[in-house]
Protein backbone atom coordinates (compact mmCIF):
# COMPACT_ATOMS: atom_id res chain seq x y z
CA MET A 1 0.68 -14.02 13.70
CA GLU A 2 -1.55 -12.41 16.30
CA ASN A 3 -4.71 -14.01 17.70
CA GLY A 4 -4.03 -17.26 15.85
CA ALA A 5 -5.33 -15.80 12.56
CA SER A 6 -4.53 -17.87 9.51
CA PRO A 7 -2.13 -16.41 6.94
CA ILE A 8 -4.83 -16.65 4.26
CA ILE A 9 -7.32 -14.57 6.27
CA SER A 10 -4.60 -12.08 7.14
CA GLU A 11 -3.52 -11.81 3.48
CA LEU A 12 -7.09 -11.27 2.33
CA SER A 13 -7.55 -8.54 4.90
CA ASP A 14 -4.33 -6.82 3.79
CA ARG A 15 -5.48 -7.02 0.17
CA ASP A 16 -8.90 -5.62 1.06
CA MET A 17 -7.27 -2.69 2.87
CA ALA A 18 -4.88 -2.09 -0.04
CA ARG A 19 -7.77 -2.10 -2.52
CA ALA A 20 -9.67 0.33 -0.30
CA ALA A 21 -6.64 2.67 -0.12
CA ILE A 22 -6.46 2.70 -3.94
CA HIS A 23 -10.19 3.29 -4.42
CA ALA A 24 -10.21 6.06 -1.79
CA GLY A 25 -7.34 7.84 -3.57
CA LYS A 26 -5.02 7.44 -0.58
CA LEU A 27 -2.49 5.61 -2.77
CA PRO A 28 -2.33 5.53 -6.57
CA ASN A 29 -2.38 2.34 -8.62
CA ARG A 30 1.09 2.94 -10.06
CA LYS A 31 4.66 2.36 -8.98
CA PRO A 32 6.16 4.95 -6.64
CA ASP A 33 8.64 7.45 -8.06
CA ARG A 34 11.09 6.75 -5.23
CA MET A 35 11.25 4.07 -2.58
CA TRP A 36 13.34 3.24 0.47
CA GLY A 37 13.28 0.39 2.94
CA GLY A 38 14.37 0.06 6.53
CA ARG A 39 13.36 -0.25 10.13
CA GLY A 40 10.02 1.24 11.11
CA GLY A 41 9.96 4.47 13.04
CA GLY A 42 6.43 4.45 14.41
CA ALA A 43 4.75 6.23 11.50
CA GLU A 44 1.26 5.10 10.53
CA CYS A 45 1.01 2.65 7.63
CA ALA A 46 -0.85 4.20 4.69
CA ILE A 47 -2.75 0.95 4.15
CA CYS A 48 -3.63 -0.61 7.51
CA ASN A 49 -3.42 2.62 9.57
CA THR A 50 -1.37 1.00 12.33
CA PRO A 51 2.13 2.17 13.32
CA VAL A 52 5.14 0.51 11.73
CA LYS A 53 7.08 -0.41 14.87
CA GLN A 54 10.86 -0.29 15.23
CA ASP A 55 11.05 -4.09 15.22
CA GLU A 56 9.25 -4.19 11.85
CA MET A 57 10.49 -3.41 8.36
CA GLU A 58 8.83 -0.71 6.29
CA PHE A 59 8.93 0.80 2.86
CA GLU A 60 8.73 4.53 2.39
CA VAL A 61 7.22 5.29 -0.99
CA GLU A 62 7.27 8.70 -2.59
CA PHE A 63 5.06 10.04 -5.35
CA SER A 64 6.13 13.17 -7.20
CA GLN A 65 3.94 16.21 -7.59
CA GLY A 66 1.15 15.87 -10.04
CA TRP A 67 -0.56 12.95 -8.29
CA HIS A 68 -2.79 14.94 -5.94
CA THR A 69 -0.63 17.65 -4.38
CA ALA A 70 1.80 20.35 -5.39
CA GLY A 71 4.82 18.57 -3.88
CA PRO A 72 6.07 15.04 -3.32
CA VAL A 73 4.09 12.83 -0.95
CA THR A 74 5.76 10.13 1.14
CA HIS A 75 3.92 7.19 2.71
CA HIS A 76 5.16 4.61 5.21
CA ILE A 77 3.96 1.06 4.53
CA HIS A 78 4.50 -2.29 6.27
CA VAL A 79 6.23 -4.78 3.98
CA ARG A 80 3.19 -7.12 4.04
CA CYS A 81 0.88 -4.20 3.22
CA PHE A 82 3.18 -3.13 0.38
CA VAL A 83 2.99 -6.62 -1.12
CA ALA A 84 -0.81 -6.55 -0.90
CA TRP A 85 -0.86 -3.05 -2.46
CA GLU A 86 1.37 -4.17 -5.33
CA PHE A 87 -0.90 -7.13 -6.01
CA GLU A 88 -4.07 -5.05 -5.87
CA ARG A 89 -2.50 -2.20 -7.81
CA ASP A 90 -1.79 -4.59 -10.68
CA ASN A 91 -5.27 -6.12 -10.42
CA VAL A 92 -7.01 -2.72 -10.37
CA ASP A 93 -5.07 -1.81 -13.51
CA LEU A 94 -6.12 -5.06 -15.23
CA VAL A 95 -9.77 -4.60 -14.23
CA GLN A 96 -9.76 -0.99 -15.47
CA ARG A 97 -8.22 -2.01 -18.81
CA GLY A 98 -10.63 -4.95 -19.12
CA SER A 99 -13.69 -2.82 -18.40
CA ALA A 100 -12.65 -0.29 -21.04
CA ALA A 101 -12.79 -2.96 -23.75
CA PRO A 102 -16.07 -3.28 -25.73
């Protein structure tokens, strides 16, 4: 962990960034249509906007056309950011369903 930050603070920051990515429309709040994992290649993470280095693991997530473009869209995401996105994606869905109830 860099700068001696606690895991709790780091996790909350990752979750905040994941929530922001969902609300900004950068990532949807649904499961990807396709997904791969492997060593990072230096591409920018769709959640924290920092490169996924070669000594880090990443997920590449793909969303088919129909989300916001004519063709498939692929995003690179750090594993820790992906976990935060999954958590927030599920929470956003619960909040949206809960707010729709009378």
